[in-house]
Amino acid sequence: MPAPRRRPRPTPLGDSDPFTPDEGRPVRVRARALSADTHFEPHRHPWGQLAYCATGIVQVMTVPDETNLQAVTYIVPPSRAVWIPPGTRHAVTVREDAELRTLYVHAGATPAVWQSCRMIVVSALLRELVQAMDADSRRAAEPARDRLLTGLVLDELAHADTQPLGVPLPRDKRLRALCESVLNAPGERATLAEWAADTGASERTVARLFREELGTTYQQWRQQAVLAHALPLLARGVPIGQVAAATGYASDSAFSAMFKAAMGQPPTRWGLQSGGVG
């Protein structure tokens, strides 16, 4: 039976007032150094938010109010960022010690096409712009420079490549607990029956819930969860053998075959083509 994972510790959000965007300064940057297992409970802002790490890895989970909308979780390395539209409930958990850079974007500066969450590729220019805005926030603001940086940030976001790497989460409490356990232990090689035993439901019931709630099988869903964990590791240059072991694969070849079938390219090429950091 899978071993229980240490629960992340809830952390107060802190005072966001000094970073609140407005029409005059529609983009603000908030920088925080956060230790692993730091957790921000579900919350929302009236502004849009881009969650980005200069270093480390965070997990962002959207928590829709509407029962007909799907919750989605994203594993976010430094080469990626997650866009969270204004008013969207979300929770954040730090998976590895992280230098979190949060861009708060005024609702009035948010294009209409940004009304859903998405994972974007962080370009080298966007990284430098965020760093520059963070540095400027620590000294007296220069309005003209701030306007230029803001315009460039918004333009980079509008033209950023997106990737469908979010992992959907079910509404059923039993299946939700199982899915979150798998996400928290991607290297665990437990069968669906073993995972189901912890939920108090039978393997048959859980398999049916996967089809009804998520429109997929357990194995297909787990593959998406594995990719969400593997991509940040590959982008950082972790050897394929270590990535395979960390995601529950018995051999490099089995992991590489799965990866190529899902992503259209071998894992050896991921870091180079994705703009990942090694």
C-alpha atoms as a PDB file:
ATOM      1  CA  MET A   1       0.000   0.000   0.000  1.00  0.00           C
ATOM      2  CA  PRO A   2       1.404   3.438  -0.863  1.00  0.00           C
ATOM      3  CA  ALA A   3       3.158   5.216   1.988  1.00  0.00           C
ATOM      4  CA  PRO A   4       1.519   8.443   3.215  1.00  0.00           C
ATOM      5  CA  ARG A   5       3.223  11.684   2.200  1.00  0.00           C
ATOM      6  CA  ARG A   6       3.971  14.453   4.640  1.00  0.00           C
ATOM      7  CA  ARG A   7       1.211  17.074   4.468  1.00  0.00           C
ATOM      8  CA  PRO A   8       2.261  20.548   3.264  1.00  0.00           C
ATOM      9  CA  ARG A   9       2.068  23.204   5.933  1.00  0.00           C
ATOM     10  CA  PRO A  10      -0.491  25.991   5.371  1.00  0.00           C
ATOM     11  CA  THR A  11       1.098  29.429   5.044  1.00  0.00           C
ATOM     12  CA  PRO A  12      -0.610  32.823   5.399  1.00  0.00           C
ATOM     13  CA  LEU A  13      -0.895  34.666   2.109  1.00  0.00           C
ATOM     14  CA  GLY A  14       0.604  37.823   3.558  1.00  0.00           C
ATOM     15  CA  ASP A  15      -0.315  41.404   2.771  1.00  0.00           C
ATOM     16  CA  SER A  16      -0.845  41.806  -0.966  1.00  0.00           C
ATOM     17  CA  ASP A  17      -1.870  45.486  -0.782  1.00  0.00           C
ATOM     18  CA  PRO A  18       1.606  46.851  -1.671  1.00  0.00           C
ATOM     19  CA  PHE A  19       1.496  44.764  -4.868  1.00  0.00           C
ATOM     20  CA  THR A  20      -2.083  45.483  -5.955  1.00  0.00           C
ATOM     21  CA  PRO A  21      -2.135  46.452  -9.656  1.00  0.00           C
ATOM     22  CA  ASP A  22      -4.222  49.388 -10.839  1.00  0.00           C
ATOM     23  CA  GLU A  23      -4.839  51.244 -14.079  1.00  0.00           C
ATOM     24  CA  GLY A  24      -1.722  53.342 -13.549  1.00  0.00           C
ATOM     25  CA  ARG A  25       0.511  50.328 -12.827  1.00  0.00           C
ATOM     26  CA  PRO A  26      -1.311  47.338 -14.359  1.00  0.00           C
ATOM     27  CA  VAL A  27       1.501  44.845 -13.735  1.00  0.00           C
ATOM     28  CA  ARG A  28       3.204  44.345 -10.373  1.00  0.00           C
ATOM     29  CA  VAL A  29       5.793  41.739  -9.356  1.00  0.00           C
ATOM     30  CA  ARG A  30       5.889  40.040  -5.960  1.00  0.00           C
ATOM     31  CA  ALA A  31       9.002  38.004  -5.083  1.00  0.00           C
ATOM     32  CA  ARG A  32       9.169  35.437  -2.298  1.00  0.00           C
ATOM     33  CA  ALA A  33      11.650  32.736  -1.249  1.00  0.00           C
ATOM     34  CA  LEU A  34       9.584  29.719  -0.148  1.00  0.00           C
ATOM     35  CA  SER A  35      10.682  26.411   1.324  1.00  0.00           C
ATOM     36  CA  ALA A  36       9.463  23.007   0.162  1.00  0.00           C
ATOM     37  CA  ASP A  37       5.995  21.968   1.398  1.00  0.00           C
ATOM     38  CA  THR A  38       4.867  25.573   1.869  1.00  0.00           C
ATOM     39  CA  HIS A  39       1.159  25.619   0.974  1.00  0.00           C
ATOM     40  CA  PHE A  40      -1.288  28.448   0.252  1.00  0.00           C
ATOM     41  CA  GLU A  41      -4.897  27.358   0.756  1.00  0.00           C
ATOM     42  CA  PRO A  42      -7.474  28.050  -2.003  1.00  0.00           C
ATOM     43  CA  HIS A  43      -7.960  31.792  -2.474  1.00  0.00           C
ATOM     44  CA  ARG A  44      -8.698  34.318  -5.207  1.00  0.00           C
ATOM     45  CA  HIS A  45      -7.713  37.819  -6.348  1.00  0.00           C
ATOM     46  CA  PRO A  46      -9.648  40.406  -8.373  1.00  0.00           C
ATOM     47  CA  TRP A  47      -6.610  40.636 -10.654  1.00  0.00           C
ATOM     48  CA  GLY A  48      -4.958  38.079 -12.931  1.00  0.00           C
ATOM     49  CA  GLN A  49      -1.862  36.262 -11.772  1.00  0.00           C
ATOM     50  CA  LEU A  50       1.115  34.601 -13.420  1.00  0.00           C
ATOM     51  CA  ALA A  51       2.875  32.076 -11.157  1.00  0.00           C
ATOM     52  CA  TYR A  52       6.529  31.719 -12.140  1.00  0.00           C
ATOM     53  CA  CYS A  53       9.625  30.361 -10.366  1.00  0.00           C
ATOM     54  CA  ALA A  54      13.104  31.736 -10.917  1.00  0.00           C
ATOM     55  CA  THR A  55      14.281  28.522  -9.229  1.00  0.00           C
ATOM     56  CA  GLY A  56      12.527  25.501  -7.757  1.00  0.00           C
ATOM     57  CA  ILE A  57       9.173  23.892  -8.545  1.00  0.00           C
ATOM     58  CA  VAL A  58       5.639  24.741  -7.435  1.00  0.00           C
ATOM     59  CA  GLN A  59       2.306  23.009  -7.948  1.00  0.00           C
ATOM     60  CA  VAL A  60      -0.668  25.221  -8.777  1.00  0.00           C
ATOM     61  CA  MET A  61      -4.205  23.864  -8.545  1.00  0.00           C
ATOM     62  CA  THR A  62      -7.247  25.734  -9.806  1.00  0.00           C
ATOM     63  CA  VAL A  63     -10.395  25.263  -7.721  1.00  0.00           C
ATOM     64  CA  PRO A  64     -13.472  26.359  -9.724  1.00  0.00           C
ATOM     65  CA  ASP A  65     -16.622  27.439  -7.877  1.00  0.00           C
ATOM     66  CA  GLU A  66     -18.863  26.064 -10.619  1.00  0.00           C
ATOM     67  CA  THR A  67     -19.554  22.363 -10.154  1.00  0.00           C
ATOM     68  CA  ASN A  68     -19.524  21.793 -13.915  1.00  0.00           C
ATOM     69  CA  LEU A  69     -15.939  23.023 -14.286  1.00  0.00           C
ATOM     70  CA  GLN A  70     -12.899  20.790 -13.871  1.00  0.00           C
ATOM     71  CA  ALA A  71     -10.213  21.387 -11.290  1.00  0.00           C
ATOM     72  CA  VAL A  72      -6.747  21.199 -12.848  1.00  0.00           C
ATOM     73  CA  THR A  73      -3.293  20.936 -11.306  1.00  0.00           C
ATOM     74  CA  TYR A  74      -0.044  22.141 -12.905  1.00  0.00           C
ATOM     75  CA  ILE A  75       3.559  21.252 -11.996  1.00  0.00           C
ATOM     76  CA  VAL A  76       5.538  24.417 -12.738  1.00  0.00           C
ATOM     77  CA  PRO A  77       9.345  24.494 -13.274  1.00  0.00           C
ATOM     78  CA  PRO A  78      11.358  27.662 -14.056  1.00  0.00           C
ATOM     79  CA  SER A  79      10.888  27.164 -17.816  1.00  0.00           C
ATOM     80  CA  ARG A  80       7.101  27.400 -17.464  1.00  0.00           C
ATOM     81  CA  ALA A  81       4.494  29.623 -15.792  1.00  0.00           C
ATOM     82  CA  VAL A  82       0.778  29.292 -15.092  1.00  0.00           C
ATOM     83  CA  TRP A  83      -1.709  32.019 -15.949  1.00  0.00           C
ATOM     84  CA  ILE A  84      -4.616  32.344 -13.475  1.00  0.00           C
ATOM     85  CA  PRO A  85      -7.469  34.641 -14.631  1.00  0.00           C
ATOM     86  CA  PRO A  86      -8.982  37.284 -12.310  1.00  0.00           C
ATOM     87  CA  GLY A  87     -11.299  35.817  -9.688  1.00  0.00           C
ATOM     88  CA  THR A  88     -10.182  32.196 -10.178  1.00  0.00           C
ATOM     89  CA  ARG A  89      -9.777  30.212  -6.944  1.00  0.00           C
ATOM     90  CA  HIS A  90      -6.413  28.511  -6.762  1.00  0.00           C
ATOM     91  CA  ALA A  91      -4.025  26.881  -4.311  1.00  0.00           C
ATOM     92  CA  VAL A  92      -0.226  26.748  -4.427  1.00  0.00           C
ATOM     93  CA  THR A  93       2.115  24.119  -2.984  1.00  0.00           C
ATOM     94  CA  VAL A  94       5.910  24.392  -3.143  1.00  0.00           C
ATOM     95  CA  ARG A  95       7.441  21.070  -4.241  1.00  0.00           C
ATOM     96  CA  GLU A  96      11.081  22.205  -4.140  1.00  0.00           C
ATOM     97  CA  ASP A  97      12.562  25.276  -2.434  1.00  0.00           C
ATOM     98  CA  ALA A  98      11.535  28.055  -4.792  1.00  0.00           C
ATOM     99  CA  GLU A  99      12.154  31.683  -5.647  1.00  0.00           C
ATOM    100  CA  LEU A 100       8.550  32.492  -6.560  1.00  0.00           C
ATOM    101  CA  ARG A 101       7.883  35.482  -8.802  1.00  0.00           C
ATOM    102  CA  THR A 102       4.186  36.326  -8.983  1.00  0.00           C
ATOM    103  CA  LEU A 103       2.987  38.797 -11.598  1.00  0.00           C
ATOM    104  CA  TYR A 104      -0.263  40.503 -10.639  1.00  0.00           C
ATOM    105  CA  VAL A 105      -2.059  41.838 -13.729  1.00  0.00           C
ATOM    106  CA  HIS A 106      -4.920  44.333 -13.489  1.00  0.00           C
ATOM    107  CA  ALA A 107      -8.198  42.920 -14.820  1.00  0.00           C
ATOM    108  CA  GLY A 108      -8.486  45.835 -17.248  1.00  0.00           C
ATOM    109  CA  ALA A 109      -5.173  44.869 -18.862  1.00  0.00           C
ATOM    110  CA  THR A 110      -6.172  41.237 -19.323  1.00  0.00           C
ATOM    111  CA  PRO A 111      -7.069  40.357 -22.944  1.00  0.00           C
ATOM    112  CA  ALA A 112     -10.415  38.628 -23.473  1.00  0.00           C
ATOM    113  CA  VAL A 113      -8.678  35.449 -24.657  1.00  0.00           C
ATOM    114  CA  TRP A 114      -7.013  35.045 -21.241  1.00  0.00           C
ATOM    115  CA  GLN A 115     -10.194  33.981 -19.459  1.00  0.00           C
ATOM    116  CA  SER A 116      -9.005  30.419 -18.817  1.00  0.00           C
ATOM    117  CA  CYS A 117      -5.974  28.980 -17.029  1.00  0.00           C
ATOM    118  CA  ARG A 118      -3.047  27.935 -19.165  1.00  0.00           C
ATOM    119  CA  MET A 119       0.586  26.907 -18.883  1.00  0.00           C
ATOM    120  CA  ILE A 120       2.944  29.052 -20.928  1.00  0.00           C
ATOM    121  CA  VAL A 121       6.560  28.712 -22.009  1.00  0.00           C
ATOM    122  CA  VAL A 122       8.702  31.366 -20.302  1.00  0.00           C
ATOM    123  CA  SER A 123      10.945  33.018 -22.868  1.00  0.00           C
ATOM    124  CA  ALA A 124      14.402  34.338 -22.062  1.00  0.00           C
ATOM    125  CA  LEU A 125      13.070  37.868 -22.571  1.00  0.00           C
ATOM    126  CA  LEU A 126      10.176  37.345 -20.167  1.00  0.00           C
ATOM    127  CA  ARG A 127      12.569  36.020 -17.512  1.00  0.00           C
ATOM    128  CA  GLU A 128      14.730  39.131 -17.849  1.00  0.00           C
ATOM    129  CA  LEU A 129      11.699  41.447 -17.790  1.00  0.00           C
ATOM    130  CA  VAL A 130      10.392  39.871 -14.572  1.00  0.00           C
ATOM    131  CA  GLN A 131      13.842  40.183 -13.016  1.00  0.00           C
ATOM    132  CA  ALA A 132      14.056  43.845 -14.049  1.00  0.00           C
ATOM    133  CA  MET A 133      10.595  44.668 -12.667  1.00  0.00           C
ATOM    134  CA  ASP A 134      11.437  42.908  -9.405  1.00  0.00           C
ATOM    135  CA  ALA A 135      14.679  44.879  -9.084  1.00  0.00           C
ATOM    136  CA  ASP A 136      12.858  48.139  -9.834  1.00  0.00           C
ATOM    137  CA  SER A 137      10.217  47.390  -7.199  1.00  0.00           C
ATOM    138  CA  ARG A 138      12.926  47.534  -4.539  1.00  0.00           C
ATOM    139  CA  ARG A 139      13.750  51.158  -5.308  1.00  0.00           C
ATOM    140  CA  ALA A 140      11.882  54.302  -6.274  1.00  0.00           C
ATOM    141  CA  ALA A 141       9.752  53.604  -9.333  1.00  0.00           C
ATOM    142  CA  GLU A 142      10.520  55.401 -12.589  1.00  0.00           C
ATOM    143  CA  PRO A 143       7.096  55.808 -14.273  1.00  0.00           C
ATOM    144  CA  ALA A 144       8.411  55.949 -17.849  1.00  0.00           C
ATOM    145  CA  ARG A 145      10.578  52.838 -17.401  1.00  0.00           C
ATOM    146  CA  ASP A 146       7.792  51.003 -15.601  1.00  0.00           C
ATOM    147  CA  ARG A 147       5.399  51.689 -18.501  1.00  0.00           C
ATOM    148  CA  LEU A 148       7.920  50.328 -20.999  1.00  0.00           C
ATOM    149  CA  LEU A 149       8.586  47.173 -18.983  1.00  0.00           C
ATOM    150  CA  THR A 150       4.858  46.648 -18.424  1.00  0.00           C
ATOM    151  CA  GLY A 151       4.120  46.916 -22.132  1.00  0.00           C
ATOM    152  CA  LEU A 152       6.852  44.413 -22.971  1.00  0.00           C
ATOM    153  CA  VAL A 153       5.646  41.958 -20.294  1.00  0.00           C
ATOM    154  CA  LEU A 154       2.066  42.064 -21.561  1.00  0.00           C
ATOM    155  CA  ASP A 155       3.256  41.627 -25.141  1.00  0.00           C
ATOM    156  CA  GLU A 156       5.430  38.620 -24.216  1.00  0.00           C
ATOM    157  CA  LEU A 157       2.519  37.029 -22.375  1.00  0.00           C
ATOM    158  CA  ALA A 158       0.195  37.577 -25.319  1.00  0.00           C
ATOM    159  CA  HIS A 159       2.636  35.881 -27.699  1.00  0.00           C
ATOM    160  CA  ALA A 160       3.859  33.117 -25.367  1.00  0.00           C
ATOM    161  CA  ASP A 161       3.551  29.517 -26.499  1.00  0.00           C
ATOM    162  CA  THR A 162       1.096  27.465 -24.450  1.00  0.00           C
ATOM    163  CA  GLN A 163       1.214  23.780 -23.545  1.00  0.00           C
ATOM    164  CA  PRO A 164      -1.706  21.546 -22.450  1.00  0.00           C
ATOM    165  CA  LEU A 165       0.163  20.029 -19.517  1.00  0.00           C
ATOM    166  CA  GLY A 166      -2.426  20.497 -16.782  1.00  0.00           C
ATOM    167  CA  VAL A 167      -3.654  17.357 -15.027  1.00  0.00           C
ATOM    168  CA  PRO A 168      -7.474  17.273 -14.565  1.00  0.00           C
ATOM    169  CA  LEU A 169      -8.856  16.429 -11.126  1.00  0.00           C
ATOM    170  CA  PRO A 170     -12.274  14.847 -10.448  1.00  0.00           C
ATOM    171  CA  ARG A 171     -15.114  16.152  -8.293  1.00  0.00           C
ATOM    172  CA  ASP A 172     -15.872  12.811  -6.586  1.00  0.00           C
ATOM    173  CA  LYS A 173     -14.158  12.934  -3.170  1.00  0.00           C
ATOM    174  CA  ARG A 174     -12.953   9.335  -3.274  1.00  0.00           C
ATOM    175  CA  LEU A 175     -11.404   9.657  -6.714  1.00  0.00           C
ATOM    176  CA  ARG A 176     -10.030  13.106  -5.880  1.00  0.00           C
ATOM    177  CA  ALA A 177      -8.176  11.665  -2.866  1.00  0.00           C
ATOM    178  CA  LEU A 178      -6.742   8.888  -5.032  1.00  0.00           C
ATOM    179  CA  CYS A 179      -5.598  11.299  -7.752  1.00  0.00           C
ATOM    180  CA  GLU A 180      -3.948  13.655  -5.280  1.00  0.00           C
ATOM    181  CA  SER A 181      -2.142  10.695  -3.677  1.00  0.00           C
ATOM    182  CA  VAL A 182      -0.785   9.655  -7.085  1.00  0.00           C
ATOM    183  CA  LEU A 183       0.347  13.212  -7.806  1.00  0.00           C
ATOM    184  CA  ASN A 184       2.124  13.351  -4.460  1.00  0.00           C
ATOM    185  CA  ALA A 185       3.942  10.048  -5.080  1.00  0.00           C
ATOM    186  CA  PRO A 186       4.601   9.784  -8.842  1.00  0.00           C
ATOM    187  CA  GLY A 187       7.268   7.115  -8.346  1.00  0.00           C
ATOM    188  CA  GLU A 188       4.942   4.757  -6.475  1.00  0.00           C
ATOM    189  CA  ARG A 189       4.287   1.621  -8.542  1.00  0.00           C
ATOM    190  CA  ALA A 190       1.032   0.690  -6.815  1.00  0.00           C
ATOM    191  CA  THR A 191      -1.773  -0.828  -8.859  1.00  0.00           C
ATOM    192  CA  LEU A 192      -5.177   0.783  -9.193  1.00  0.00           C
ATOM    193  CA  ALA A 193      -6.533  -1.814  -6.756  1.00  0.00           C
ATOM    194  CA  GLU A 194      -3.929  -0.796  -4.165  1.00  0.00           C
ATOM    195  CA  TRP A 195      -4.683   2.896  -4.600  1.00  0.00           C
ATOM    196  CA  ALA A 196      -8.422   2.175  -4.448  1.00  0.00           C
ATOM    197  CA  ALA A 197      -8.060   0.341  -1.138  1.00  0.00           C
ATOM    198  CA  ASP A 198      -7.138   3.637   0.535  1.00  0.00           C
ATOM    199  CA  THR A 199     -10.351   5.280  -0.706  1.00  0.00           C
ATOM    200  CA  GLY A 200     -12.757   2.657   0.623  1.00  0.00           C
ATOM    201  CA  ALA A 201     -13.981   1.956  -2.931  1.00  0.00           C
ATOM    202  CA  SER A 202     -13.472  -1.110  -5.090  1.00  0.00           C
ATOM    203  CA  GLU A 203     -11.140  -1.141  -8.090  1.00  0.00           C
ATOM    204  CA  ARG A 204     -14.167  -1.533 -10.354  1.00  0.00           C
ATOM    205  CA  THR A 205     -15.869   1.507  -8.829  1.00  0.00           C
ATOM    206  CA  VAL A 206     -12.755   3.646  -9.143  1.00  0.00           C
ATOM    207  CA  ALA A 207     -12.227   2.584 -12.767  1.00  0.00           C
ATOM    208  CA  ARG A 208     -15.839   3.561 -13.525  1.00  0.00           C
ATOM    209  CA  LEU A 209     -15.337   6.941 -11.832  1.00  0.00           C
ATOM    210  CA  PHE A 210     -12.283   7.637 -13.986  1.00  0.00           C
ATOM    211  CA  ARG A 211     -14.392   7.083 -17.102  1.00  0.00           C
ATOM    212  CA  GLU A 212     -17.383   9.087 -15.852  1.00  0.00           C
ATOM    213  CA  GLU A 213     -15.575  11.978 -14.154  1.00  0.00           C
ATOM    214  CA  LEU A 214     -12.509  12.410 -16.357  1.00  0.00           C
ATOM    215  CA  GLY A 215     -13.431  10.583 -19.558  1.00  0.00           C
ATOM    216  CA  THR A 216     -10.276   8.487 -19.413  1.00  0.00           C
ATOM    217  CA  THR A 217      -8.762   5.364 -17.885  1.00  0.00           C
ATOM    218  CA  TYR A 218      -6.521   5.309 -14.823  1.00  0.00           C
ATOM    219  CA  GLN A 219      -3.480   4.428 -16.939  1.00  0.00           C
ATOM    220  CA  GLN A 220      -4.120   7.318 -19.348  1.00  0.00           C
ATOM    221  CA  TRP A 221      -4.634   9.775 -16.492  1.00  0.00           C
ATOM    222  CA  ARG A 222      -1.526   8.539 -14.674  1.00  0.00           C
ATOM    223  CA  GLN A 223       0.527   9.039 -17.836  1.00  0.00           C
ATOM    224  CA  GLN A 224      -0.505  12.710 -17.880  1.00  0.00           C
ATOM    225  CA  ALA A 225       0.447  12.992 -14.202  1.00  0.00           C
ATOM    226  CA  VAL A 226       3.806  11.338 -14.907  1.00  0.00           C
ATOM    227  CA  LEU A 227       4.525  13.777 -17.738  1.00  0.00           C
ATOM    228  CA  ALA A 228       3.676  16.712 -15.458  1.00  0.00           C
ATOM    229  CA  HIS A 229       6.364  15.519 -13.028  1.00  0.00           C
ATOM    230  CA  ALA A 230       8.896  14.371 -15.621  1.00  0.00           C
ATOM    231  CA  LEU A 231       9.037  17.508 -17.762  1.00  0.00           C
ATOM    232  CA  PRO A 232      10.416  19.814 -15.038  1.00  0.00           C
ATOM    233  CA  LEU A 233      13.110  17.238 -14.213  1.00  0.00           C
ATOM    234  CA  LEU A 234      14.124  16.817 -17.845  1.00  0.00           C
ATOM    235  CA  ALA A 235      14.175  20.595 -18.352  1.00  0.00           C
ATOM    236  CA  ARG A 236      16.694  20.841 -15.493  1.00  0.00           C
ATOM    237  CA  GLY A 237      18.959  18.229 -17.081  1.00  0.00           C
ATOM    238  CA  VAL A 238      18.214  15.344 -14.710  1.00  0.00           C
ATOM    239  CA  PRO A 239      19.413  12.071 -16.348  1.00  0.00           C
ATOM    240  CA  ILE A 240      16.677  10.003 -17.984  1.00  0.00           C
ATOM    241  CA  GLY A 241      17.385   7.055 -15.707  1.00  0.00           C
ATOM    242  CA  GLN A 242      16.683   9.163 -12.629  1.00  0.00           C
ATOM    243  CA  VAL A 243      13.530  10.624 -14.181  1.00  0.00           C
ATOM    244  CA  ALA A 244      12.295   7.141 -15.074  1.00  0.00           C
ATOM    245  CA  ALA A 245      12.847   5.919 -11.521  1.00  0.00           C
ATOM    246  CA  ALA A 246      11.239   9.033 -10.027  1.00  0.00           C
ATOM    247  CA  THR A 247       8.081   8.445 -12.073  1.00  0.00           C
ATOM    248  CA  GLY A 248       7.739   4.717 -11.420  1.00  0.00           C
ATOM    249  CA  TYR A 249       9.252   3.242 -14.578  1.00  0.00           C
ATOM    250  CA  ALA A 250      11.421   0.140 -14.260  1.00  0.00           C
ATOM    251  CA  SER A 251      13.693   1.047 -17.189  1.00  0.00           C
ATOM    252  CA  ASP A 252      14.912   3.984 -19.235  1.00  0.00           C
ATOM    253  CA  SER A 253      13.587   2.400 -22.431  1.00  0.00           C
ATOM    254  CA  ALA A 254      10.041   1.970 -21.087  1.00  0.00           C
ATOM    255  CA  PHE A 255       9.936   5.587 -19.949  1.00  0.00           C
ATOM    256  CA  SER A 256      11.435   6.863 -23.218  1.00  0.00           C
ATOM    257  CA  ALA A 257       8.916   4.912 -25.304  1.00  0.00           C
ATOM    258  CA  MET A 258       5.996   6.342 -23.312  1.00  0.00           C
ATOM    259  CA  PHE A 259       7.408   9.859 -23.529  1.00  0.00           C
ATOM    260  CA  LYS A 260       7.996   9.760 -27.283  1.00  0.00           C
ATOM    261  CA  ALA A 261       4.518   8.359 -27.924  1.00  0.00           C
ATOM    262  CA  ALA A 262       2.924  11.112 -25.812  1.00  0.00           C
ATOM    263  CA  MET A 263       5.108  14.104 -26.742  1.00  0.00           C
ATOM    264  CA  GLY A 264       6.240  13.255 -30.276  1.00  0.00           C
ATOM    265  CA  GLN A 265       9.926  13.517 -29.406  1.00  0.00           C
ATOM    266  CA  PRO A 266      12.364  11.580 -27.211  1.00  0.00           C
ATOM    267  CA  PRO A 267      13.082  12.874 -23.697  1.00  0.00           C
ATOM    268  CA  THR A 268      16.704  13.540 -24.652  1.00  0.00           C
ATOM    269  CA  ARG A 269      15.526  16.466 -26.795  1.00  0.00           C
ATOM    270  CA  TRP A 270      13.096  17.994 -24.323  1.00  0.00           C
ATOM    271  CA  GLY A 271      15.386  20.401 -22.501  1.00  0.00           C
ATOM    272  CA  LEU A 272      16.890  21.801 -25.715  1.00  0.00           C
ATOM    273  CA  GLN A 273      13.581  22.333 -27.510  1.00  0.00           C
ATOM    274  CA  SER A 274      11.515  23.490 -24.544  1.00  0.00           C
ATOM    275  CA  GLY A 275      13.734  26.350 -23.408  1.00  0.00           C
ATOM    276  CA  GLY A 276      14.298  24.467 -20.183  1.00  0.00           C
ATOM    277  CA  VAL A 277      17.092  25.280 -17.836  1.00  0.00           C
ATOM    278  CA  GLY A 278      19.777  22.703 -17.249  1.00  0.00           C
END
